[in-house]
Structure formats: structure tokens, C-alpha cells
Amino acid sequence: MLQGLPADTPIAVVQHASLPQQRCVVSTLRDLTEVVEREQLASPSIIIVGDVLRGLTQVAAQSEGTKRMA
């Protein structure tokens, strides 16, 4: 992160994408490690990084199985 993306860059971790047990956690790059450990996210998971997620937070608030982490 020192020369890459800012720490407040939005991220989403989607576990078991497209399956009934899908879970999605939205946070920031700064908190990625903490969120993955706390929520016990494991394979298979997809990590989405960047501004494309700024609009997702509004959609995620209405979506079941999505958590917003600060």
C-alpha cells in the first residue's frame, strides 16, 4: 500500500459467489486482513478492489448476506 492504492480504497470479499451460501463483506483496503479474519472468510472467495464498489454500498445495504465493515 505504500506506493499503491490509498488505504481507504473500497474492497469487497465475496465468498461462495453465486451459491446459496454466498456471503459478501464490504470494507476498505486498510481493514482487509482484519475483516477476513474476523468474518472467517476462506476459499473460495473473490476480492474486488476499487472505485467500482462505491456504488455497491448502496446496493449491498438492500442485499441479504452482505455486511458493511468500517
C-alpha atoms as a PDB file:
ATOM      1  CA  MET A   1       0.000   0.000   0.000  1.00  0.00           C
ATOM      2  CA  LEU A   2       2.925   2.374   0.466  1.00  0.00           C
ATOM      3  CA  GLN A   3       3.109   3.112  -3.250  1.00  0.00           C
ATOM      4  CA  GLY A   4      -0.150   1.553  -4.379  1.00  0.00           C
ATOM      5  CA  LEU A   5      -3.774   2.308  -3.701  1.00  0.00           C
ATOM      6  CA  PRO A   6      -4.887   4.515  -0.792  1.00  0.00           C
ATOM      7  CA  ALA A   7      -5.838   2.739   2.435  1.00  0.00           C
ATOM      8  CA  ASP A   8      -9.434   3.959   2.127  1.00  0.00           C
ATOM      9  CA  THR A   9      -9.893   2.203  -1.235  1.00  0.00           C
ATOM     10  CA  PRO A  10     -13.110   0.169  -1.056  1.00  0.00           C
ATOM     11  CA  ILE A  11     -12.936  -3.627  -1.182  1.00  0.00           C
ATOM     12  CA  ALA A  12     -15.470  -6.419  -1.195  1.00  0.00           C
ATOM     13  CA  VAL A  13     -14.806 -10.040  -0.341  1.00  0.00           C
ATOM     14  CA  VAL A  14     -17.364 -12.415  -1.840  1.00  0.00           C
ATOM     15  CA  GLN A  15     -17.261 -15.957  -0.522  1.00  0.00           C
ATOM     16  CA  HIS A  16     -19.056 -18.761  -2.397  1.00  0.00           C
ATOM     17  CA  ALA A  17     -20.125 -16.388  -5.197  1.00  0.00           C
ATOM     18  CA  SER A  18     -23.366 -17.396  -6.935  1.00  0.00           C
ATOM     19  CA  LEU A  19     -24.099 -20.176  -4.439  1.00  0.00           C
ATOM     20  CA  PRO A  20     -26.889 -20.211  -1.852  1.00  0.00           C
ATOM     21  CA  GLN A  21     -24.331 -19.742   0.945  1.00  0.00           C
ATOM     22  CA  GLN A  22     -22.793 -16.637  -0.684  1.00  0.00           C
ATOM     23  CA  ARG A  23     -21.508 -14.006   1.734  1.00  0.00           C
ATOM     24  CA  CYS A  24     -20.236 -10.528   0.874  1.00  0.00           C
ATOM     25  CA  VAL A  25     -18.343  -8.175   3.154  1.00  0.00           C
ATOM     26  CA  VAL A  26     -17.625  -4.587   2.075  1.00  0.00           C
ATOM     27  CA  SER A  27     -14.817  -2.653   3.765  1.00  0.00           C
ATOM     28  CA  THR A  28     -11.596  -0.818   2.927  1.00  0.00           C
ATOM     29  CA  LEU A  29      -8.157  -1.945   1.862  1.00  0.00           C
ATOM     30  CA  ARG A  30      -6.869  -0.801   5.261  1.00  0.00           C
ATOM     31  CA  ASP A  31      -9.119  -3.291   7.064  1.00  0.00           C
ATOM     32  CA  LEU A  32      -8.941  -6.199   4.606  1.00  0.00           C
ATOM     33  CA  THR A  33      -6.893  -8.562   6.783  1.00  0.00           C
ATOM     34  CA  GLU A  34      -8.904  -7.824   9.917  1.00  0.00           C
ATOM     35  CA  VAL A  35     -12.243  -8.301   8.141  1.00  0.00           C
ATOM     36  CA  VAL A  36     -11.218 -11.597   6.520  1.00  0.00           C
ATOM     37  CA  GLU A  37     -10.039 -12.973   9.862  1.00  0.00           C
ATOM     38  CA  ARG A  38     -12.984 -11.686  11.903  1.00  0.00           C
ATOM     39  CA  GLU A  39     -15.611 -12.919   9.429  1.00  0.00           C
ATOM     40  CA  GLN A  40     -13.702 -16.186   8.871  1.00  0.00           C
ATOM     41  CA  LEU A  41     -13.796 -15.803   5.104  1.00  0.00           C
ATOM     42  CA  ALA A  42     -11.947 -18.552   3.261  1.00  0.00           C
ATOM     43  CA  SER A  43     -11.719 -20.166  -0.159  1.00  0.00           C
ATOM     44  CA  PRO A  44     -13.405 -19.912  -2.474  1.00  0.00           C
ATOM     45  CA  SER A  45     -13.545 -16.122  -2.270  1.00  0.00           C
ATOM     46  CA  ILE A  46     -13.188 -13.258  -4.717  1.00  0.00           C
ATOM     47  CA  ILE A  47     -11.694  -9.921  -3.652  1.00  0.00           C
ATOM     48  CA  ILE A  48     -12.929  -6.897  -5.597  1.00  0.00           C
ATOM     49  CA  VAL A  49     -10.903  -3.697  -5.219  1.00  0.00           C
ATOM     50  CA  GLY A  50     -11.556  -0.145  -6.322  1.00  0.00           C
ATOM     51  CA  ASP A  51     -13.977   2.631  -7.046  1.00  0.00           C
ATOM     52  CA  VAL A  52     -16.419   0.286  -8.761  1.00  0.00           C
ATOM     53  CA  LEU A  53     -17.522  -0.597  -5.214  1.00  0.00           C
ATOM     54  CA  ARG A  54     -18.544   2.919  -4.242  1.00  0.00           C
ATOM     55  CA  GLY A  55     -21.980   2.348  -5.784  1.00  0.00           C
ATOM     56  CA  LEU A  56     -22.161  -1.187  -4.437  1.00  0.00           C
ATOM     57  CA  THR A  57     -22.513   0.004  -0.863  1.00  0.00           C
ATOM     58  CA  GLN A  58     -25.991   1.311  -1.652  1.00  0.00           C
ATOM     59  CA  VAL A  59     -26.986  -1.913  -3.386  1.00  0.00           C
ATOM     60  CA  ALA A  60     -25.383  -4.040  -0.674  1.00  0.00           C
ATOM     61  CA  ALA A  61     -27.416  -2.329   2.019  1.00  0.00           C
ATOM     62  CA  GLN A  62     -30.503  -3.832   0.403  1.00  0.00           C
ATOM     63  CA  SER A  63     -28.951  -7.235  -0.308  1.00  0.00           C
ATOM     64  CA  GLU A  64     -29.282 -10.142   2.078  1.00  0.00           C
ATOM     65  CA  GLY A  65     -25.965 -11.682   3.134  1.00  0.00           C
ATOM     66  CA  THR A  66     -23.896  -8.512   2.754  1.00  0.00           C
ATOM     67  CA  LYS A  67     -22.112  -6.863   5.650  1.00  0.00           C
ATOM     68  CA  ARG A  68     -20.675  -3.374   5.657  1.00  0.00           C
ATOM     69  CA  MET A  69     -17.477  -3.160   7.712  1.00  0.00           C
ATOM     70  CA  ALA A  70     -15.817   0.149   8.540  1.00  0.00           C
END
